[in-house]
Amino acid sequence: MLHSKLRFFAAALGALWLAAPLPAPTTSQMLPVSDTLLLTGGDSVDFSGQVHVVTQVYPPDPILPPDPVVPVTVYINLAGVSGMGTSGIRYQAVGTAMVDTTTMLPGTVTVIGDGFRAVPQANSQPPDPIRVQVMLSIDAAGSVFEATVQLLEGIT
């Protein structure tokens, strides 16, 4: 009787272990960026700096057959991105974004984060909206193995 209870307990534990969600693989990267943007006032600005990109890929449900499409969350943060305009005005690019999407594994993802601003230094003109595009290549395990970023002019 004790032997059958232990076997039942072990089977129940195994079922719980299989049903537990797997942790989302997280990739954190500092990526260089260097782009020229034409801002709304006509100023052409050469930006450069780093973009911090954190990617979480949520693995498929362990129940078979697994769904080939998995959720992906991309966090984007500008880190020291600045530039000088042809007008002589220095701009600081600021902001963060979180973008949710999906992909098949292995796969590629391209997301565009909104809500970033090019803020002029020592000038009374308002900040310009800018966007950040992130392109990711993700392996079958959910880890990012290649990533690039690009600054884009904002939509006004």
N, C-alpha and C. Protein backbone atom coordinates (compact mmCIF):
# COMPACT_ATOMS: atom_id res chain seq x y z
N MET A 1 0.81 -1.19 0.00
CA MET A 1 0.00 0.00 0.00
C MET A 1 0.87 1.26 0.00
N LEU A 2 1.91 1.28 0.85
CA LEU A 2 2.80 2.42 0.91
C LEU A 2 3.52 2.61 -0.42
N HIS A 3 3.90 1.51 -1.04
CA HIS A 3 4.59 1.57 -2.32
C HIS A 3 3.70 2.21 -3.40
N SER A 4 2.43 1.87 -3.45
CA SER A 4 1.52 2.44 -4.44
C SER A 4 1.25 3.92 -4.16
N LYS A 5 1.23 4.33 -2.87
CA LYS A 5 1.05 5.74 -2.53
C LYS A 5 2.26 6.56 -2.97
N LEU A 6 3.45 6.01 -2.77
CA LEU A 6 4.66 6.70 -3.21
C LEU A 6 4.70 6.83 -4.73
N ARG A 7 4.31 5.78 -5.43
CA ARG A 7 4.27 5.81 -6.88
C ARG A 7 3.28 6.89 -7.37
N PHE A 8 2.09 6.96 -6.72
CA PHE A 8 1.10 7.97 -7.07
C PHE A 8 1.65 9.38 -6.82
N PHE A 9 2.31 9.57 -5.66
CA PHE A 9 2.90 10.86 -5.31
C PHE A 9 3.96 11.27 -6.33
N ALA A 10 4.81 10.33 -6.72
CA ALA A 10 5.86 10.62 -7.71
C ALA A 10 5.24 10.97 -9.06
N ALA A 11 4.19 10.28 -9.46
CA ALA A 11 3.52 10.57 -10.73
C ALA A 11 2.88 11.96 -10.68
N ALA A 12 2.27 12.30 -9.56
CA ALA A 12 1.63 13.61 -9.42
C ALA A 12 2.68 14.72 -9.47
N LEU A 13 3.81 14.53 -8.81
CA LEU A 13 4.90 15.50 -8.85
C LEU A 13 5.43 15.67 -10.26
N GLY A 14 5.60 14.58 -10.97
CA GLY A 14 6.07 14.63 -12.36
C GLY A 14 5.10 15.40 -13.24
N ALA A 15 3.80 15.20 -13.05
CA ALA A 15 2.80 15.93 -13.84
C ALA A 15 2.87 17.42 -13.54
N LEU A 16 3.06 17.79 -12.28
CA LEU A 16 3.19 19.21 -11.94
C LEU A 16 4.44 19.81 -12.55
N TRP A 17 5.52 19.08 -12.54
CA TRP A 17 6.77 19.57 -13.11
C TRP A 17 6.62 19.80 -14.61
N LEU A 18 5.96 18.88 -15.31
CA LEU A 18 5.77 19.04 -16.76
C LEU A 18 4.83 20.19 -17.07
N ALA A 19 3.86 20.46 -16.21
CA ALA A 19 2.89 21.51 -16.47
C ALA A 19 3.40 22.89 -16.09
N ALA A 20 4.48 22.97 -15.33
CA ALA A 20 5.00 24.27 -14.90
C ALA A 20 5.54 25.02 -16.11
N PRO A 21 5.23 26.32 -16.21
CA PRO A 21 5.73 27.10 -17.35
C PRO A 21 7.24 27.24 -17.28
N LEU A 22 7.87 27.21 -18.44
CA LEU A 22 9.31 27.39 -18.52
C LEU A 22 9.63 28.87 -18.43
N PRO A 23 10.78 29.23 -17.85
CA PRO A 23 11.13 30.65 -17.77
C PRO A 23 11.39 31.21 -19.17
N ALA A 24 11.08 32.48 -19.34
CA ALA A 24 11.30 33.13 -20.62
C ALA A 24 12.78 33.46 -20.78
N PRO A 25 13.42 32.97 -21.88
CA PRO A 25 14.80 33.37 -22.12
C PRO A 25 14.88 34.89 -22.28
N THR A 26 15.79 35.51 -21.56
CA THR A 26 15.95 36.97 -21.60
C THR A 26 17.33 37.29 -22.15
N THR A 27 17.36 38.19 -23.14
CA THR A 27 18.61 38.64 -23.73
C THR A 27 18.71 40.15 -23.51
N SER A 28 19.83 40.61 -22.97
CA SER A 28 20.07 42.04 -22.74
C SER A 28 21.30 42.45 -23.53
N GLN A 29 21.13 43.47 -24.39
CA GLN A 29 22.24 43.90 -25.25
C GLN A 29 22.33 45.42 -25.30
N MET A 30 23.55 45.94 -25.34
CA MET A 30 23.80 47.35 -25.64
C MET A 30 24.24 47.40 -27.09
N LEU A 31 23.45 48.05 -27.94
CA LEU A 31 23.71 48.07 -29.37
C LEU A 31 24.08 49.48 -29.82
N PRO A 32 25.12 49.60 -30.64
CA PRO A 32 25.49 50.93 -31.14
C PRO A 32 24.49 51.41 -32.18
N VAL A 33 24.30 52.72 -32.21
CA VAL A 33 23.44 53.32 -33.22
C VAL A 33 24.10 54.59 -33.75
N SER A 34 23.98 54.81 -35.04
CA SER A 34 24.52 56.00 -35.69
C SER A 34 23.65 56.29 -36.91
N ASP A 35 22.80 57.31 -36.80
CA ASP A 35 21.88 57.64 -37.89
C ASP A 35 21.72 59.15 -38.00
N THR A 36 21.39 59.62 -39.19
CA THR A 36 21.09 61.02 -39.44
C THR A 36 19.59 61.17 -39.65
N LEU A 37 18.98 62.08 -38.89
CA LEU A 37 17.55 62.32 -38.98
C LEU A 37 17.29 63.77 -39.36
N LEU A 38 16.28 63.98 -40.18
CA LEU A 38 15.82 65.32 -40.51
C LEU A 38 14.65 65.64 -39.59
N LEU A 39 14.84 66.60 -38.69
CA LEU A 39 13.81 66.95 -37.73
C LEU A 39 12.83 67.95 -38.33
N THR A 40 11.71 68.16 -37.62
CA THR A 40 10.62 68.96 -38.19
C THR A 40 11.01 70.40 -38.48
N GLY A 41 11.94 70.97 -37.76
CA GLY A 41 12.37 72.34 -38.01
C GLY A 41 13.35 72.47 -39.16
N GLY A 42 13.65 71.33 -39.84
CA GLY A 42 14.58 71.36 -40.96
C GLY A 42 16.02 71.09 -40.58
N ASP A 43 16.27 70.85 -39.29
CA ASP A 43 17.63 70.58 -38.83
C ASP A 43 17.98 69.11 -39.10
N SER A 44 19.11 68.86 -39.75
CA SER A 44 19.62 67.51 -39.99
C SER A 44 20.59 67.19 -38.87
N VAL A 45 20.31 66.11 -38.12
CA VAL A 45 21.08 65.79 -36.91
C VAL A 45 21.74 64.42 -37.06
N ASP A 46 23.06 64.38 -36.83
CA ASP A 46 23.83 63.13 -36.82
C ASP A 46 23.83 62.59 -35.39
N PHE A 47 23.00 61.57 -35.13
CA PHE A 47 22.91 60.96 -33.80
C PHE A 47 23.85 59.77 -33.69
N SER A 48 24.38 59.55 -32.48
CA SER A 48 25.14 58.34 -32.19
C SER A 48 25.02 58.06 -30.70
N GLY A 49 25.27 56.79 -30.34
CA GLY A 49 25.20 56.38 -28.95
C GLY A 49 24.87 54.90 -28.85
N GLN A 50 24.24 54.52 -27.75
CA GLN A 50 23.91 53.13 -27.47
C GLN A 50 22.40 53.00 -27.23
N VAL A 51 21.86 51.86 -27.64
CA VAL A 51 20.46 51.53 -27.36
C VAL A 51 20.47 50.23 -26.55
N HIS A 52 19.84 50.27 -25.38
CA HIS A 52 19.75 49.07 -24.54
C HIS A 52 18.48 48.33 -24.94
N VAL A 53 18.64 47.09 -25.39
CA VAL A 53 17.50 46.28 -25.83
C VAL A 53 17.45 45.02 -24.98
N VAL A 54 16.32 44.82 -24.32
CA VAL A 54 16.08 43.60 -23.54
C VAL A 54 14.94 42.85 -24.22
N THR A 55 15.18 41.58 -24.51
CA THR A 55 14.19 40.76 -25.22
C THR A 55 13.82 39.56 -24.36
N GLN A 56 12.51 39.32 -24.21
CA GLN A 56 12.02 38.13 -23.53
C GLN A 56 11.19 37.33 -24.54
N VAL A 57 11.58 36.07 -24.71
CA VAL A 57 10.87 35.17 -25.61
C VAL A 57 10.21 34.11 -24.73
N TYR A 58 8.90 34.03 -24.80
CA TYR A 58 8.16 33.10 -23.95
C TYR A 58 8.04 31.76 -24.67
N PRO A 59 8.57 30.69 -24.08
CA PRO A 59 8.58 29.39 -24.75
C PRO A 59 7.17 28.85 -24.96
N PRO A 60 7.05 27.94 -25.92
CA PRO A 60 5.72 27.37 -26.16
C PRO A 60 5.24 26.55 -24.97
N ASP A 61 3.95 26.39 -24.88
CA ASP A 61 3.32 25.59 -23.85
C ASP A 61 3.86 24.15 -23.95
N PRO A 62 4.20 23.52 -22.83
CA PRO A 62 4.76 22.17 -22.91
C PRO A 62 3.77 21.10 -23.35
N ILE A 63 2.50 21.46 -23.48
CA ILE A 63 1.52 20.48 -23.92
C ILE A 63 1.70 20.27 -25.43
N LEU A 64 1.76 19.01 -25.83
CA LEU A 64 2.01 18.69 -27.24
C LEU A 64 0.71 18.67 -28.03
N PRO A 65 0.67 19.05 -29.27
CA PRO A 65 1.79 19.64 -30.01
C PRO A 65 1.96 21.11 -29.61
N PRO A 66 3.20 21.59 -29.51
CA PRO A 66 3.41 22.98 -29.11
C PRO A 66 2.98 23.95 -30.22
N ASP A 67 2.55 25.11 -29.79
CA ASP A 67 2.18 26.17 -30.73
C ASP A 67 3.49 26.71 -31.33
N PRO A 68 3.60 26.77 -32.67
CA PRO A 68 4.85 27.25 -33.27
C PRO A 68 5.05 28.76 -33.13
N VAL A 69 4.01 29.50 -32.75
CA VAL A 69 4.11 30.94 -32.60
C VAL A 69 4.24 31.28 -31.12
N VAL A 70 5.28 32.02 -30.76
CA VAL A 70 5.53 32.36 -29.36
C VAL A 70 5.49 33.88 -29.16
N PRO A 71 5.06 34.33 -27.97
CA PRO A 71 5.06 35.76 -27.67
C PRO A 71 6.48 36.26 -27.39
N VAL A 72 6.73 37.51 -27.80
CA VAL A 72 8.03 38.16 -27.59
C VAL A 72 7.76 39.56 -27.06
N THR A 73 8.50 39.96 -26.01
CA THR A 73 8.44 41.33 -25.50
C THR A 73 9.81 41.97 -25.67
N VAL A 74 9.83 43.16 -26.26
CA VAL A 74 11.08 43.89 -26.50
C VAL A 74 11.01 45.21 -25.74
N TYR A 75 12.00 45.44 -24.86
CA TYR A 75 12.14 46.69 -24.12
C TYR A 75 13.27 47.48 -24.76
N ILE A 76 13.03 48.76 -25.07
CA ILE A 76 14.01 49.60 -25.75
C ILE A 76 14.28 50.82 -24.88
N ASN A 77 15.56 51.13 -24.64
CA ASN A 77 15.93 52.29 -23.83
C ASN A 77 17.13 52.97 -24.48
N LEU A 78 17.00 54.27 -24.74
CA LEU A 78 18.13 55.01 -25.30
C LEU A 78 19.12 55.33 -24.19
N ALA A 79 20.39 55.08 -24.44
CA ALA A 79 21.43 55.27 -23.43
C ALA A 79 22.54 56.15 -24.02
N GLY A 80 22.47 57.44 -23.75
CA GLY A 80 23.52 58.34 -24.22
C GLY A 80 23.49 58.59 -25.71
N VAL A 81 22.31 58.63 -26.32
CA VAL A 81 22.19 58.92 -27.75
C VAL A 81 22.04 60.43 -27.91
N SER A 82 22.98 61.04 -28.62
CA SER A 82 22.93 62.49 -28.83
C SER A 82 23.51 62.82 -30.20
N GLY A 83 23.33 64.06 -30.60
CA GLY A 83 23.86 64.45 -31.90
C GLY A 83 23.86 65.96 -32.08
N MET A 84 24.62 66.40 -33.08
CA MET A 84 24.73 67.81 -33.41
C MET A 84 24.01 68.06 -34.72
N GLY A 85 23.16 69.09 -34.72
CA GLY A 85 22.44 69.44 -35.93
C GLY A 85 23.25 70.37 -36.82
N THR A 86 22.85 70.48 -38.08
CA THR A 86 23.53 71.40 -39.01
C THR A 86 23.37 72.84 -38.55
N SER A 87 22.39 73.09 -37.70
CA SER A 87 22.16 74.43 -37.15
C SER A 87 23.14 74.77 -36.03
N GLY A 88 23.89 73.76 -35.56
CA GLY A 88 24.78 73.97 -34.43
C GLY A 88 24.13 73.63 -33.09
N ILE A 89 22.88 73.24 -33.12
CA ILE A 89 22.17 72.87 -31.88
C ILE A 89 22.46 71.40 -31.57
N ARG A 90 22.77 71.12 -30.30
CA ARG A 90 22.98 69.74 -29.84
C ARG A 90 21.65 69.19 -29.36
N TYR A 91 21.39 67.90 -29.70
CA TYR A 91 20.15 67.22 -29.32
C TYR A 91 20.47 65.98 -28.50
N GLN A 92 19.63 65.72 -27.51
CA GLN A 92 19.71 64.49 -26.72
C GLN A 92 18.47 63.67 -27.05
N ALA A 93 18.66 62.41 -27.47
CA ALA A 93 17.53 61.51 -27.75
C ALA A 93 17.20 60.77 -26.46
N VAL A 94 15.93 60.81 -26.06
CA VAL A 94 15.51 60.22 -24.79
C VAL A 94 14.26 59.38 -24.99
N GLY A 95 14.05 58.45 -24.05
CA GLY A 95 12.81 57.70 -24.04
C GLY A 95 13.01 56.21 -23.87
N THR A 96 11.89 55.53 -23.59
CA THR A 96 11.85 54.09 -23.47
C THR A 96 10.56 53.59 -24.11
N ALA A 97 10.56 52.32 -24.49
CA ALA A 97 9.36 51.72 -25.07
C ALA A 97 9.35 50.23 -24.76
N MET A 98 8.15 49.67 -24.71
CA MET A 98 7.96 48.23 -24.60
C MET A 98 7.04 47.82 -25.74
N VAL A 99 7.46 46.82 -26.51
CA VAL A 99 6.69 46.37 -27.66
C VAL A 99 6.45 44.86 -27.54
N ASP A 100 5.19 44.45 -27.65
CA ASP A 100 4.83 43.04 -27.65
C ASP A 100 4.54 42.59 -29.07
N THR A 101 5.04 41.40 -29.43
CA THR A 101 4.82 40.84 -30.75
C THR A 101 4.85 39.32 -30.64
N THR A 102 4.85 38.64 -31.78
CA THR A 102 4.98 37.18 -31.81
C THR A 102 5.92 36.78 -32.94
N THR A 103 6.46 35.56 -32.85
CA THR A 103 7.30 35.02 -33.91
C THR A 103 7.29 33.50 -33.83
N MET A 104 7.76 32.88 -34.88
CA MET A 104 8.00 31.43 -34.87
C MET A 104 9.47 31.23 -34.51
N LEU A 105 9.77 30.13 -33.84
CA LEU A 105 11.16 29.83 -33.47
C LEU A 105 11.70 28.72 -34.35
N PRO A 106 12.91 28.87 -34.88
CA PRO A 106 13.68 30.11 -34.93
C PRO A 106 12.98 31.12 -35.84
N GLY A 107 13.30 32.39 -35.65
CA GLY A 107 12.65 33.40 -36.46
C GLY A 107 13.28 34.77 -36.34
N THR A 108 12.72 35.71 -37.06
CA THR A 108 13.18 37.09 -37.01
C THR A 108 12.01 37.98 -36.62
N VAL A 109 12.34 39.07 -35.94
CA VAL A 109 11.34 40.01 -35.47
C VAL A 109 11.84 41.42 -35.77
N THR A 110 10.96 42.26 -36.27
CA THR A 110 11.25 43.68 -36.43
C THR A 110 10.15 44.45 -35.70
N VAL A 111 10.55 45.29 -34.75
CA VAL A 111 9.59 46.10 -34.01
C VAL A 111 10.00 47.55 -34.10
N ILE A 112 9.01 48.44 -33.97
CA ILE A 112 9.27 49.88 -33.94
C ILE A 112 8.70 50.44 -32.65
N GLY A 113 9.56 51.05 -31.86
CA GLY A 113 9.15 51.68 -30.61
C GLY A 113 8.88 53.16 -30.82
N ASP A 114 7.73 53.60 -30.32
CA ASP A 114 7.36 55.02 -30.38
C ASP A 114 7.58 55.65 -29.02
N GLY A 115 7.40 56.96 -28.95
CA GLY A 115 7.48 57.65 -27.67
C GLY A 115 8.85 58.21 -27.35
N PHE A 116 9.76 58.19 -28.30
CA PHE A 116 11.09 58.76 -28.09
C PHE A 116 11.09 60.21 -28.56
N ARG A 117 12.02 61.00 -28.02
CA ARG A 117 12.09 62.43 -28.36
C ARG A 117 13.53 62.86 -28.59
N ALA A 118 13.70 63.78 -29.55
CA ALA A 118 14.97 64.47 -29.74
C ALA A 118 14.82 65.83 -29.09
N VAL A 119 15.49 66.03 -27.97
CA VAL A 119 15.33 67.23 -27.16
C VAL A 119 16.49 68.18 -27.44
N PRO A 120 16.19 69.39 -27.94
CA PRO A 120 17.27 70.36 -28.19
C PRO A 120 17.82 70.89 -26.87
N GLN A 121 19.14 71.05 -26.81
CA GLN A 121 19.79 71.57 -25.62
C GLN A 121 19.93 73.09 -25.74
N ALA A 122 19.60 73.81 -24.68
CA ALA A 122 19.75 75.26 -24.61
C ALA A 122 19.02 75.95 -25.77
N ASN A 123 17.80 75.52 -26.02
CA ASN A 123 17.01 76.12 -27.08
C ASN A 123 15.55 76.02 -26.66
N SER A 124 14.75 76.97 -27.10
CA SER A 124 13.35 76.98 -26.67
C SER A 124 12.41 76.21 -27.59
N GLN A 125 12.94 75.60 -28.66
CA GLN A 125 12.04 74.85 -29.55
C GLN A 125 11.62 73.53 -28.90
N PRO A 126 10.41 73.04 -29.24
CA PRO A 126 9.92 71.80 -28.62
C PRO A 126 10.67 70.57 -29.13
N PRO A 127 10.64 69.47 -28.33
CA PRO A 127 11.30 68.24 -28.77
C PRO A 127 10.60 67.64 -29.99
N ASP A 128 11.37 66.95 -30.81
CA ASP A 128 10.84 66.25 -31.99
C ASP A 128 10.59 64.79 -31.66
N PRO A 129 9.48 64.21 -32.14
CA PRO A 129 9.28 62.77 -31.96
C PRO A 129 10.22 61.98 -32.86
N ILE A 130 10.78 60.92 -32.34
CA ILE A 130 11.57 59.98 -33.14
C ILE A 130 11.13 58.56 -32.77
N ARG A 131 11.50 57.60 -33.59
CA ARG A 131 11.16 56.20 -33.35
C ARG A 131 12.44 55.37 -33.42
N VAL A 132 12.39 54.19 -32.82
CA VAL A 132 13.54 53.27 -32.83
C VAL A 132 13.06 51.94 -33.40
N GLN A 133 13.76 51.48 -34.44
CA GLN A 133 13.46 50.17 -35.04
C GLN A 133 14.50 49.17 -34.56
N VAL A 134 14.03 48.01 -34.09
CA VAL A 134 14.91 46.94 -33.61
C VAL A 134 14.64 45.70 -34.46
N MET A 135 15.70 45.12 -35.02
CA MET A 135 15.60 43.89 -35.81
C MET A 135 16.34 42.79 -35.08
N LEU A 136 15.65 41.67 -34.79
CA LEU A 136 16.20 40.59 -33.98
C LEU A 136 16.14 39.26 -34.73
N SER A 137 17.19 38.46 -34.57
CA SER A 137 17.19 37.07 -35.03
C SER A 137 17.22 36.20 -33.78
N ILE A 138 16.25 35.28 -33.68
CA ILE A 138 16.07 34.48 -32.46
C ILE A 138 16.22 33.01 -32.82
N ASP A 139 17.01 32.27 -32.01
CA ASP A 139 17.24 30.85 -32.28
C ASP A 139 16.09 30.00 -31.74
N ALA A 140 16.17 28.71 -31.95
CA ALA A 140 15.09 27.78 -31.56
C ALA A 140 14.89 27.73 -30.05
N ALA A 141 15.93 28.09 -29.27
CA ALA A 141 15.82 28.08 -27.80
C ALA A 141 15.24 29.39 -27.27
N GLY A 142 15.04 30.39 -28.14
CA GLY A 142 14.49 31.67 -27.71
C GLY A 142 15.51 32.72 -27.37
N SER A 143 16.78 32.49 -27.70
CA SER A 143 17.83 33.48 -27.43
C SER A 143 18.11 34.30 -28.68
N VAL A 144 18.35 35.60 -28.48
CA VAL A 144 18.69 36.49 -29.58
C VAL A 144 20.16 36.28 -29.93
N PHE A 145 20.44 35.99 -31.20
CA PHE A 145 21.84 35.81 -31.60
C PHE A 145 22.32 36.91 -32.53
N GLU A 146 21.42 37.75 -33.02
CA GLU A 146 21.82 38.89 -33.85
C GLU A 146 20.79 39.99 -33.67
N ALA A 147 21.27 41.24 -33.54
CA ALA A 147 20.36 42.36 -33.34
C ALA A 147 20.96 43.63 -33.93
N THR A 148 20.11 44.45 -34.53
CA THR A 148 20.51 45.77 -35.02
C THR A 148 19.43 46.78 -34.66
N VAL A 149 19.83 48.04 -34.56
CA VAL A 149 18.88 49.11 -34.27
C VAL A 149 19.07 50.25 -35.26
N GLN A 150 18.00 51.02 -35.43
CA GLN A 150 18.05 52.16 -36.33
C GLN A 150 17.10 53.23 -35.79
N LEU A 151 17.55 54.49 -35.82
CA LEU A 151 16.67 55.59 -35.45
C LEU A 151 15.86 55.98 -36.69
N LEU A 152 14.60 56.33 -36.46
CA LEU A 152 13.71 56.74 -37.55
C LEU A 152 13.08 58.09 -37.20
N GLU A 153 12.77 58.86 -38.23
CA GLU A 153 12.06 60.11 -37.98
C GLU A 153 10.68 59.81 -37.43
N GLY A 154 10.20 60.66 -36.56
CA GLY A 154 8.90 60.45 -35.94
C GLY A 154 7.77 60.82 -36.85
N ILE A 155 6.61 60.35 -36.50
CA ILE A 155 5.39 60.70 -37.22
C ILE A 155 4.75 61.86 -36.49
N THR A 156 4.53 62.94 -37.19
CA THR A 156 3.95 64.13 -36.53
C THR A 156 2.49 64.26 -36.84
